[in-house]
Amino acid sequence: YISVTGYTYNPGKLSFRKSMTADQYRDFLIYMAD
């Protein structure tokens, strides 16, 4: 969630998300936030 715009982003959800476990994607989301 980007607080200034109110936009919620799910990176890779439509492409490589399917190739990751739930924990891997959770880790990737934290990485992307950073």
Full PDB file with SEQRES, HELIX, SHEET, SSBOND, CRYST1, ORIGX, SCALE, CONECT and MASTER records, all heavy atoms in Angstrom:
SEQRES   1 A   34  TYR ILE SER VAL THR GLY TYR THR TYR ASN PRO GLY LYS          
SEQRES   2 A   34  LEU SER PHE ARG LYS SER MET THR ALA ASP GLN TYR ARG          
SEQRES   3 A   34  ASP PHE LEU ILE TYR MET ALA ASP                              
HELIX    1 AA1 PHE A   16  SER A   19  5                                   4    
HELIX    2 AA2 ALA A   22  ALA A   33  1                                  12    
CRYST1    1.000    1.000    1.000  90.00  90.00  90.00 P 1           1          
ORIGX1      1.000000  0.000000  0.000000        0.00000                         
ORIGX2      0.000000  1.000000  0.000000        0.00000                         
ORIGX3      0.000000  0.000000  1.000000        0.00000                         
SCALE1      1.000000  0.000000  0.000000        0.00000                         
SCALE2      0.000000  1.000000  0.000000        0.00000                         
SCALE3      0.000000  0.000000  1.000000        0.00000                         
ATOM      1  N   TYR A   1       0.848  -1.190   0.000  1.00  0.00           N  
ATOM      2  CA  TYR A   1       0.000   0.000   0.000  1.00  0.00           C  
ATOM      3  C   TYR A   1       0.884   1.240   0.000  1.00  0.00           C  
ATOM      4  O   TYR A   1       1.773   1.364   0.841  1.00  0.00           O  
ATOM      5  CB  TYR A   1      -0.896  -0.029   1.242  1.00  0.00           C  
ATOM      6  CG  TYR A   1      -1.746   1.192   1.439  1.00  0.00           C  
ATOM      7  CD1 TYR A   1      -2.917   1.373   0.708  1.00  0.00           C  
ATOM      8  CD2 TYR A   1      -1.389   2.164   2.363  1.00  0.00           C  
ATOM      9  CE1 TYR A   1      -3.710   2.488   0.902  1.00  0.00           C  
ATOM     10  CE2 TYR A   1      -2.175   3.288   2.560  1.00  0.00           C  
ATOM     11  CZ  TYR A   1      -3.334   3.443   1.822  1.00  0.00           C  
ATOM     12  OH  TYR A   1      -4.114   4.553   2.007  1.00  0.00           O  
ATOM     13  N   ILE A   2       0.652   2.143  -0.943  1.00  0.00           N  
ATOM     14  CA  ILE A   2       1.402   3.397  -1.009  1.00  0.00           C  
ATOM     15  C   ILE A   2       0.548   4.460  -0.323  1.00  0.00           C  
ATOM     16  O   ILE A   2      -0.511   4.839  -0.829  1.00  0.00           O  
ATOM     17  CB  ILE A   2       1.719   3.792  -2.463  1.00  0.00           C  
ATOM     18  CG1 ILE A   2       2.366   2.624  -3.227  1.00  0.00           C  
ATOM     19  CG2 ILE A   2       2.578   5.047  -2.506  1.00  0.00           C  
ATOM     20  CD1 ILE A   2       3.641   2.075  -2.625  1.00  0.00           C  
ATOM     21  N   SER A   3       0.982   4.936   0.837  1.00  0.00           N  
ATOM     22  CA  SER A   3       0.126   5.769   1.690  1.00  0.00           C  
ATOM     23  C   SER A   3      -0.283   7.091   1.044  1.00  0.00           C  
ATOM     24  O   SER A   3      -1.398   7.550   1.258  1.00  0.00           O  
ATOM     25  CB  SER A   3       0.792   6.031   3.040  1.00  0.00           C  
ATOM     26  OG  SER A   3       1.882   6.911   2.916  1.00  0.00           O  
ATOM     27  N   VAL A   4       0.583   7.705   0.255  1.00  0.00           N  
ATOM     28  CA  VAL A   4       0.264   9.018  -0.313  1.00  0.00           C  
ATOM     29  C   VAL A   4      -0.826   8.911  -1.381  1.00  0.00           C  
ATOM     30  O   VAL A   4      -1.703   9.740  -1.465  1.00  0.00           O  
ATOM     31  CB  VAL A   4       1.532   9.689  -0.888  1.00  0.00           C  
ATOM     32  CG1 VAL A   4       1.203  10.969  -1.626  1.00  0.00           C  
ATOM     33  CG2 VAL A   4       2.512   9.970   0.243  1.00  0.00           C  
ATOM     34  N   THR A   5      -0.767   7.854  -2.186  1.00  0.00           N  
ATOM     35  CA  THR A   5      -1.721   7.711  -3.293  1.00  0.00           C  
ATOM     36  C   THR A   5      -2.910   6.831  -2.947  1.00  0.00           C  
ATOM     37  O   THR A   5      -3.930   6.883  -3.628  1.00  0.00           O  
ATOM     38  CB  THR A   5      -1.024   7.111  -4.522  1.00  0.00           C  
ATOM     39  OG1 THR A   5      -0.563   5.794  -4.197  1.00  0.00           O  
ATOM     40  CG2 THR A   5       0.131   7.977  -4.994  1.00  0.00           C  
ATOM     41  N   GLY A   6      -2.759   5.990  -1.935  1.00  0.00           N  
ATOM     42  CA  GLY A   6      -3.817   5.043  -1.602  1.00  0.00           C  
ATOM     43  C   GLY A   6      -3.856   3.846  -2.534  1.00  0.00           C  
ATOM     44  O   GLY A   6      -4.795   3.057  -2.527  1.00  0.00           O  
ATOM     45  N   TYR A   7      -2.820   3.657  -3.332  1.00  0.00           N  
ATOM     46  CA  TYR A   7      -2.760   2.576  -4.310  1.00  0.00           C  
ATOM     47  C   TYR A   7      -2.192   1.316  -3.671  1.00  0.00           C  
ATOM     48  O   TYR A   7      -1.225   1.379  -2.922  1.00  0.00           O  
ATOM     49  CB  TYR A   7      -1.877   3.011  -5.491  1.00  0.00           C  
ATOM     50  CG  TYR A   7      -1.749   1.987  -6.578  1.00  0.00           C  
ATOM     51  CD1 TYR A   7      -2.762   1.782  -7.501  1.00  0.00           C  
ATOM     52  CD2 TYR A   7      -0.606   1.207  -6.688  1.00  0.00           C  
ATOM     53  CE1 TYR A   7      -2.654   0.839  -8.503  1.00  0.00           C  
ATOM     54  CE2 TYR A   7      -0.473   0.263  -7.686  1.00  0.00           C  
ATOM     55  CZ  TYR A   7      -1.495   0.083  -8.591  1.00  0.00           C  
ATOM     56  OH  TYR A   7      -1.374  -0.862  -9.577  1.00  0.00           O  
ATOM     57  N   THR A   8      -2.782   0.160  -3.988  1.00  0.00           N  
ATOM     58  CA  THR A   8      -2.251  -1.119  -3.530  1.00  0.00           C  
ATOM     59  C   THR A   8      -1.633  -1.841  -4.718  1.00  0.00           C  
ATOM     60  O   THR A   8      -2.271  -2.003  -5.753  1.00  0.00           O  
ATOM     61  CB  THR A   8      -3.347  -1.993  -2.895  1.00  0.00           C  
ATOM     62  OG1 THR A   8      -3.901  -1.278  -1.778  1.00  0.00           O  
ATOM     63  CG2 THR A   8      -2.786  -3.312  -2.401  1.00  0.00           C  
ATOM     64  N   TYR A   9      -0.409  -2.278  -4.556  1.00  0.00           N  
ATOM     65  CA  TYR A   9       0.374  -2.889  -5.621  1.00  0.00           C  
ATOM     66  C   TYR A   9       0.702  -4.325  -5.255  1.00  0.00           C  
ATOM     67  O   TYR A   9       1.105  -4.616  -4.140  1.00  0.00           O  
ATOM     68  CB  TYR A   9       1.649  -2.054  -5.807  1.00  0.00           C  
ATOM     69  CG  TYR A   9       2.642  -2.561  -6.811  1.00  0.00           C  
ATOM     70  CD1 TYR A   9       2.245  -3.008  -8.070  1.00  0.00           C  
ATOM     71  CD2 TYR A   9       3.994  -2.566  -6.518  1.00  0.00           C  
ATOM     72  CE1 TYR A   9       3.173  -3.449  -8.997  1.00  0.00           C  
ATOM     73  CE2 TYR A   9       4.936  -2.998  -7.434  1.00  0.00           C  
ATOM     74  CZ  TYR A   9       4.521  -3.451  -8.673  1.00  0.00           C  
ATOM     75  OH  TYR A   9       5.440  -3.884  -9.587  1.00  0.00           O  
ATOM     76  N   ASN A  10       0.533  -5.232  -6.218  1.00  0.00           N  
ATOM     77  CA  ASN A  10       0.890  -6.642  -6.060  1.00  0.00           C  
ATOM     78  C   ASN A  10       1.885  -7.005  -7.156  1.00  0.00           C  
ATOM     79  O   ASN A  10       1.484  -7.508  -8.208  1.00  0.00           O  
ATOM     80  CB  ASN A  10      -0.358  -7.530  -6.144  1.00  0.00           C  
ATOM     81  CG  ASN A  10      -1.194  -7.417  -4.913  1.00  0.00           C  
ATOM     82  OD1 ASN A  10      -0.809  -7.879  -3.861  1.00  0.00           O  
ATOM     83  ND2 ASN A  10      -2.350  -6.783  -5.039  1.00  0.00           N  
ATOM     84  N   PRO A  11       3.168  -6.764  -6.942  1.00  0.00           N  
ATOM     85  CA  PRO A  11       4.164  -6.979  -7.993  1.00  0.00           C  
ATOM     86  C   PRO A  11       4.263  -8.437  -8.436  1.00  0.00           C  
ATOM     87  O   PRO A  11       4.315  -9.340  -7.613  1.00  0.00           O  
ATOM     88  CB  PRO A  11       5.474  -6.527  -7.338  1.00  0.00           C  
ATOM     89  CG  PRO A  11       5.230  -6.578  -5.877  1.00  0.00           C  
ATOM     90  CD  PRO A  11       3.768  -6.332  -5.678  1.00  0.00           C  
ATOM     91  N   GLY A  12       4.253  -8.630  -9.751  1.00  0.00           N  
ATOM     92  CA  GLY A  12       4.413  -9.967 -10.315  1.00  0.00           C  
ATOM     93  C   GLY A  12       3.217 -10.876 -10.184  1.00  0.00           C  
ATOM     94  O   GLY A  12       3.291 -12.053 -10.522  1.00  0.00           O  
ATOM     95  N   LYS A  13       2.106 -10.367  -9.695  1.00  0.00           N  
ATOM     96  CA  LYS A  13       0.936 -11.216  -9.441  1.00  0.00           C  
ATOM     97  C   LYS A  13       0.459 -11.928 -10.708  1.00  0.00           C  
ATOM     98  O   LYS A  13       0.033 -13.074 -10.650  1.00  0.00           O  
ATOM     99  CB  LYS A  13      -0.194 -10.388  -8.845  1.00  0.00           C  
ATOM    100  CG  LYS A  13      -1.383 -11.216  -8.405  1.00  0.00           C  
ATOM    101  CD  LYS A  13      -2.422 -10.377  -7.723  1.00  0.00           C  
ATOM    102  CE  LYS A  13      -3.564 -11.265  -7.242  1.00  0.00           C  
ATOM    103  NZ  LYS A  13      -4.561 -10.495  -6.519  1.00  0.00           N  
ATOM    104  N   LEU A  14       0.545 -11.251 -11.841  1.00  0.00           N  
ATOM    105  CA  LEU A  14       0.056 -11.831 -13.093  1.00  0.00           C  
ATOM    106  C   LEU A  14       1.139 -12.574 -13.868  1.00  0.00           C  
ATOM    107  O   LEU A  14       0.841 -13.225 -14.862  1.00  0.00           O  
ATOM    108  CB  LEU A  14      -0.553 -10.739 -13.972  1.00  0.00           C  
ATOM    109  CG  LEU A  14      -1.729  -9.985 -13.362  1.00  0.00           C  
ATOM    110  CD1 LEU A  14      -2.192  -8.875 -14.288  1.00  0.00           C  
ATOM    111  CD2 LEU A  14      -2.872 -10.932 -13.040  1.00  0.00           C  
ATOM    112  N   SER A  15       2.375 -12.502 -13.429  1.00  0.00           N  
ATOM    113  CA  SER A  15       3.432 -13.171 -14.182  1.00  0.00           C  
ATOM    114  C   SER A  15       4.125 -14.256 -13.362  1.00  0.00           C  
ATOM    115  O   SER A  15       3.714 -15.408 -13.395  1.00  0.00           O  
ATOM    116  CB  SER A  15       4.427 -12.147 -14.721  1.00  0.00           C  
ATOM    117  OG  SER A  15       4.914 -11.326 -13.690  1.00  0.00           O  
ATOM    118  N   PHE A  16       5.117 -13.915 -12.576  1.00  0.00           N  
ATOM    119  CA  PHE A  16       5.924 -14.934 -11.906  1.00  0.00           C  
ATOM    120  C   PHE A  16       5.390 -15.380 -10.553  1.00  0.00           C  
ATOM    121  O   PHE A  16       5.918 -16.308  -9.961  1.00  0.00           O  
ATOM    122  CB  PHE A  16       7.378 -14.464 -11.757  1.00  0.00           C  
ATOM    123  CG  PHE A  16       7.530 -13.102 -11.163  1.00  0.00           C  
ATOM    124  CD1 PHE A  16       7.451 -12.915  -9.807  1.00  0.00           C  
ATOM    125  CD2 PHE A  16       7.765 -12.004 -11.976  1.00  0.00           C  
ATOM    126  CE1 PHE A  16       7.594 -11.657  -9.255  1.00  0.00           C  
ATOM    127  CE2 PHE A  16       7.920 -10.748 -11.437  1.00  0.00           C  
ATOM    128  CZ  PHE A  16       7.832 -10.573 -10.067  1.00  0.00           C  
ATOM    129  N   ARG A  17       4.346 -14.777 -10.038  1.00  0.00           N  
ATOM    130  CA  ARG A  17       3.780 -15.148  -8.730  1.00  0.00           C  
ATOM    131  C   ARG A  17       3.438 -16.637  -8.678  1.00  0.00           C  
ATOM    132  O   ARG A  17       3.637 -17.312  -7.678  1.00  0.00           O  
ATOM    133  CB  ARG A  17       2.544 -14.281  -8.434  1.00  0.00           C  
ATOM    134  CG  ARG A  17       1.617 -14.771  -7.324  1.00  0.00           C  
ATOM    135  CD  ARG A  17       2.337 -14.828  -5.991  1.00  0.00           C  
ATOM    136  NE  ARG A  17       1.507 -15.348  -4.932  1.00  0.00           N  
ATOM    137  CZ  ARG A  17       1.636 -16.554  -4.402  1.00  0.00           C  
ATOM    138  NH1 ARG A  17       2.545 -17.388  -4.836  1.00  0.00           N  
ATOM    139  NH2 ARG A  17       0.881 -16.935  -3.398  1.00  0.00           N  
ATOM    140  N   LYS A  18       2.944 -17.174  -9.788  1.00  0.00           N  
ATOM    141  CA  LYS A  18       2.518 -18.588  -9.832  1.00  0.00           C  
ATOM    142  C   LYS A  18       3.680 -19.554  -9.618  1.00  0.00           C  
ATOM    143  O   LYS A  18       3.471 -20.680  -9.201  1.00  0.00           O  
ATOM    144  CB  LYS A  18       1.843 -18.870 -11.171  1.00  0.00           C  
ATOM    145  CG  LYS A  18       0.582 -18.059 -11.397  1.00  0.00           C  
ATOM    146  CD  LYS A  18       0.042 -18.287 -12.808  1.00  0.00           C  
ATOM    147  CE  LYS A  18      -0.974 -17.238 -13.129  1.00  0.00           C  
ATOM    148  NZ  LYS A  18      -0.496 -16.226 -14.060  1.00  0.00           N  
ATOM    149  N   SER A  19       4.896 -19.103  -9.892  1.00  0.00           N  
ATOM    150  CA  SER A  19       6.060 -19.981  -9.753  1.00  0.00           C  
ATOM    151  C   SER A  19       6.662 -19.940  -8.348  1.00  0.00           C  
ATOM    152  O   SER A  19       7.667 -20.593  -8.098  1.00  0.00           O  
ATOM    153  CB  SER A  19       7.122 -19.591 -10.780  1.00  0.00           C  
ATOM    154  OG  SER A  19       7.648 -18.312 -10.477  1.00  0.00           O  
ATOM    155  N   MET A  20       6.050 -19.193  -7.432  1.00  0.00           N  
ATOM    156  CA  MET A  20       6.602 -19.027  -6.089  1.00  0.00           C  
ATOM    157  C   MET A  20       5.676 -19.643  -5.042  1.00  0.00           C  
ATOM    158  O   MET A  20       4.464 -19.670  -5.220  1.00  0.00           O  
ATOM    159  CB  MET A  20       6.768 -17.530  -5.782  1.00  0.00           C  
ATOM    160  CG  MET A  20       7.631 -16.780  -6.752  1.00  0.00           C  
ATOM    161  SD  MET A  20       7.566 -14.994  -6.490  1.00  0.00           S  
ATOM    162  CE  MET A  20       8.739 -14.823  -5.170  1.00  0.00           C  
ATOM    163  N   THR A  21       6.272 -20.095  -3.946  1.00  0.00           N  
ATOM    164  CA  THR A  21       5.451 -20.528  -2.812  1.00  0.00           C  
ATOM    165  C   THR A  21       4.894 -19.285  -2.133  1.00  0.00           C  
ATOM    166  O   THR A  21       5.362 -18.165  -2.381  1.00  0.00           O  
ATOM    167  CB  THR A  21       6.286 -21.323  -1.788  1.00  0.00           C  
ATOM    168  OG1 THR A  21       7.235 -20.435  -1.183  1.00  0.00           O  
ATOM    169  CG2 THR A  21       6.994 -22.514  -2.425  1.00  0.00           C  
ATOM    170  N   ALA A  22       3.934 -19.467  -1.256  1.00  0.00           N  
ATOM    171  CA  ALA A  22       3.352 -18.339  -0.522  1.00  0.00           C  
ATOM    172  C   ALA A  22       4.424 -17.617   0.292  1.00  0.00           C  
ATOM    173  O   ALA A  22       4.456 -16.379   0.331  1.00  0.00           O  
ATOM    174  CB  ALA A  22       2.215 -18.808   0.376  1.00  0.00           C  
ATOM    175  N   ASP A  23       5.328 -18.362   0.941  1.00  0.00           N  
ATOM    176  CA  ASP A  23       6.398 -17.742   1.724  1.00  0.00           C  
ATOM    177  C   ASP A  23       7.378 -16.979   0.848  1.00  0.00           C  
ATOM    178  O   ASP A  23       7.838 -15.898   1.219  1.00  0.00           O  
ATOM    179  CB  ASP A  23       7.152 -18.789   2.553  1.00  0.00           C  
ATOM    180  CG  ASP A  23       6.379 -19.233   3.778  1.00  0.00           C  
ATOM    181  OD1 ASP A  23       5.407 -18.552   4.165  1.00  0.00           O  
ATOM    182  OD2 ASP A  23       6.750 -20.278   4.356  1.00  0.00           O  
ATOM    183  N   GLN A  24       7.706 -17.531  -0.318  1.00  0.00           N  
ATOM    184  CA  GLN A  24       8.612 -16.828  -1.229  1.00  0.00           C  
ATOM    185  C   GLN A  24       7.991 -15.520  -1.695  1.00  0.00           C  
ATOM    186  O   GLN A  24       8.671 -14.498  -1.737  1.00  0.00           O  
ATOM    187  CB  GLN A  24       8.941 -17.700  -2.446  1.00  0.00           C  
ATOM    188  CG  GLN A  24       9.862 -18.847  -2.142  1.00  0.00           C  
ATOM    189  CD  GLN A  24       9.966 -19.807  -3.309  1.00  0.00           C  
ATOM    190  OE1 GLN A  24       9.012 -20.040  -4.052  1.00  0.00           O  
ATOM    191  NE2 GLN A  24      11.148 -20.401  -3.463  1.00  0.00           N  
ATOM    192  N   TYR A  25       6.706 -15.555  -2.026  1.00  0.00           N  
ATOM    193  CA  TYR A  25       6.057 -14.330  -2.496  1.00  0.00           C  
ATOM    194  C   TYR A  25       5.957 -13.306  -1.364  1.00  0.00           C  
ATOM    195  O   TYR A  25       6.166 -12.110  -1.580  1.00  0.00           O  
ATOM    196  CB  TYR A  25       4.672 -14.622  -3.084  1.00  0.00           C  
ATOM    197  CG  TYR A  25       4.056 -13.413  -3.760  1.00  0.00           C  
ATOM    198  CD1 TYR A  25       4.672 -12.831  -4.862  1.00  0.00           C  
ATOM    199  CD2 TYR A  25       2.888 -12.857  -3.287  1.00  0.00           C  
ATOM    200  CE1 TYR A  25       4.120 -11.707  -5.482  1.00  0.00           C  
ATOM    201  CE2 TYR A  25       2.328 -11.734  -3.908  1.00  0.00           C  
ATOM    202  CZ  TYR A  25       2.953 -11.166  -5.000  1.00  0.00           C  
ATOM    203  OH  TYR A  25       2.409 -10.061  -5.608  1.00  0.00           O  
ATOM    204  N   ARG A  26       5.688 -13.769  -0.159  1.00  0.00           N  
ATOM    205  CA  ARG A  26       5.645 -12.868   1.001  1.00  0.00           C  
ATOM    206  C   ARG A  26       7.009 -12.199   1.194  1.00  0.00           C  
ATOM    207  O   ARG A  26       7.102 -10.988   1.408  1.00  0.00           O  
ATOM    208  CB  ARG A  26       5.242 -13.683   2.241  1.00  0.00           C  
ATOM    209  CG  ARG A  26       4.754 -12.893   3.405  1.00  0.00           C  
ATOM    210  CD  ARG A  26       3.997 -13.753   4.409  1.00  0.00           C  
ATOM    211  NE  ARG A  26       4.603 -15.033   4.712  1.00  0.00           N  
ATOM    212  CZ  ARG A  26       5.389 -15.270   5.751  1.00  0.00           C  
ATOM    213  NH1 ARG A  26       5.659 -14.310   6.604  1.00  0.00           N  
ATOM    214  NH2 ARG A  26       5.892 -16.462   5.958  1.00  0.00           N  
ATOM    215  N   ASP A  27       8.074 -12.975   1.078  1.00  0.00           N  
ATOM    216  CA  ASP A  27       9.431 -12.449   1.186  1.00  0.00           C  
ATOM    217  C   ASP A  27       9.708 -11.449   0.065  1.00  0.00           C  
ATOM    218  O   ASP A  27      10.289 -10.387   0.298  1.00  0.00           O  
ATOM    219  CB  ASP A  27      10.442 -13.606   1.130  1.00  0.00           C  
ATOM    220  CG  ASP A  27      11.846 -13.213   1.529  1.00  0.00           C  
ATOM    221  OD1 ASP A  27      12.020 -12.703   2.656  1.00  0.00           O  
ATOM    222  OD2 ASP A  27      12.772 -13.429   0.723  1.00  0.00           O  
ATOM    223  N   PHE A  28       9.259 -11.764  -1.146  1.00  0.00           N  
ATOM    224  CA  PHE A  28       9.450 -10.864  -2.282  1.00  0.00           C  
ATOM    225  C   PHE A  28       8.680  -9.555  -2.081  1.00  0.00           C  
ATOM    226  O   PHE A  28       9.189  -8.478  -2.414  1.00  0.00           O  
ATOM    227  CB  PHE A  28       9.008 -11.547  -3.584  1.00  0.00           C  
ATOM    228  CG  PHE A  28       9.134 -10.659  -4.791  1.00  0.00           C  
ATOM    229  CD1 PHE A  28      10.383 -10.240  -5.242  1.00  0.00           C  
ATOM    230  CD2 PHE A  28       8.004 -10.224  -5.459  1.00  0.00           C  
ATOM    231  CE1 PHE A  28      10.500  -9.410  -6.349  1.00  0.00           C  
ATOM    232  CE2 PHE A  28       8.110  -9.391  -6.567  1.00  0.00           C  
ATOM    233  CZ  PHE A  28       9.360  -8.979  -7.020  1.00  0.00           C  
ATOM    234  N   LEU A  29       7.481  -9.613  -1.521  1.00  0.00           N  
ATOM    235  CA  LEU A  29       6.721  -8.398  -1.257  1.00  0.00           C  
ATOM    236  C   LEU A  29       7.460  -7.479  -0.275  1.00  0.00           C  
ATOM    237  O   LEU A  29       7.497  -6.261  -0.446  1.00  0.00           O  
ATOM    238  CB  LEU A  29       5.326  -8.725  -0.730  1.00  0.00           C  
ATOM    239  CG  LEU A  29       4.332  -9.262  -1.755  1.00  0.00           C  
ATOM    240  CD1 LEU A  29       3.048  -9.717  -1.065  1.00  0.00           C  
ATOM    241  CD2 LEU A  29       4.025  -8.232  -2.819  1.00  0.00           C  
ATOM    242  N   ILE A  30       8.051  -8.069   0.752  1.00  0.00           N  
ATOM    243  CA  ILE A  30       8.823  -7.275   1.716  1.00  0.00           C  
ATOM    244  C   ILE A  30      10.026  -6.647   1.006  1.00  0.00           C  
ATOM    245  O   ILE A  30      10.324  -5.460   1.184  1.00  0.00           O  
ATOM    246  CB  ILE A  30       9.260  -8.135   2.926  1.00  0.00           C  
ATOM    247  CG1 ILE A  30       8.030  -8.640   3.695  1.00  0.00           C  
ATOM    248  CG2 ILE A  30      10.196  -7.352   3.841  1.00  0.00           C  
ATOM    249  CD1 ILE A  30       8.328  -9.704   4.736  1.00  0.00           C  
ATOM    250  N   TYR A  31      10.693  -7.438   0.193  1.00  0.00           N  
ATOM    251  CA  TYR A  31      11.828  -6.938  -0.591  1.00  0.00           C  
ATOM    252  C   TYR A  31      11.401  -5.763  -1.463  1.00  0.00           C  
ATOM    253  O   TYR A  31      12.066  -4.727  -1.514  1.00  0.00           O  
ATOM    254  CB  TYR A  31      12.391  -8.078  -1.446  1.00  0.00           C  
ATOM    255  CG  TYR A  31      13.439  -7.664  -2.441  1.00  0.00           C  
ATOM    256  CD1 TYR A  31      14.760  -7.495  -2.050  1.00  0.00           C  
ATOM    257  CD2 TYR A  31      13.116  -7.453  -3.781  1.00  0.00           C  
ATOM    258  CE1 TYR A  31      15.738  -7.114  -2.966  1.00  0.00           C  
ATOM    259  CE2 TYR A  31      14.077  -7.074  -4.695  1.00  0.00           C  
ATOM    260  CZ  TYR A  31      15.381  -6.905  -4.292  1.00  0.00           C  
ATOM    261  OH  TYR A  31      16.342  -6.528  -5.193  1.00  0.00           O  
ATOM    262  N   MET A  32      10.273  -5.913  -2.153  1.00  0.00           N  
ATOM    263  CA  MET A  32       9.801  -4.851  -3.042  1.00  0.00           C  
ATOM    264  C   MET A  32       9.410  -3.592  -2.274  1.00  0.00           C  
ATOM    265  O   MET A  32       9.646  -2.478  -2.746  1.00  0.00           O  
ATOM    266  CB  MET A  32       8.636  -5.350  -3.905  1.00  0.00           C  
ATOM    267  CG  MET A  32       9.065  -6.228  -5.060  1.00  0.00           C  
ATOM    268  SD  MET A  32      10.271  -5.453  -6.180  1.00  0.00           S  
ATOM    269  CE  MET A  32       9.321  -4.071  -6.819  1.00  0.00           C  
ATOM    270  N   ALA A  33       8.833  -3.750  -1.101  1.00  0.00           N  
ATOM    271  CA  ALA A  33       8.501  -2.576  -0.283  1.00  0.00           C  
ATOM    272  C   ALA A  33       9.772  -1.795   0.041  1.00  0.00           C  
ATOM    273  O   ALA A  33       9.800  -0.561  -0.048  1.00  0.00           O  
ATOM    274  CB  ALA A  33       7.779  -2.998   0.991  1.00  0.00           C  
ATOM    275  N   ASP A  34      10.841  -2.512   0.371  1.00  0.00           N  
ATOM    276  CA  ASP A  34      12.113  -1.857   0.664  1.00  0.00           C  
ATOM    277  C   ASP A  34      12.678  -1.182  -0.582  1.00  0.00           C  
ATOM    278  O   ASP A  34      13.208  -0.071  -0.509  1.00  0.00           O  
ATOM    279  CB  ASP A  34      13.103  -2.877   1.227  1.00  0.00           C  
ATOM    280  CG  ASP A  34      14.362  -2.227   1.770  1.00  0.00           C  
ATOM    281  OD1 ASP A  34      14.256  -1.203   2.479  1.00  0.00           O  
ATOM    282  OD2 ASP A  34      15.460  -2.740   1.484  1.00  0.00           O  
TER     283      ASP A  34                                                      
MASTER        0    0    0    2    0    0    0    6  282    1    0    3          
END                                                                             
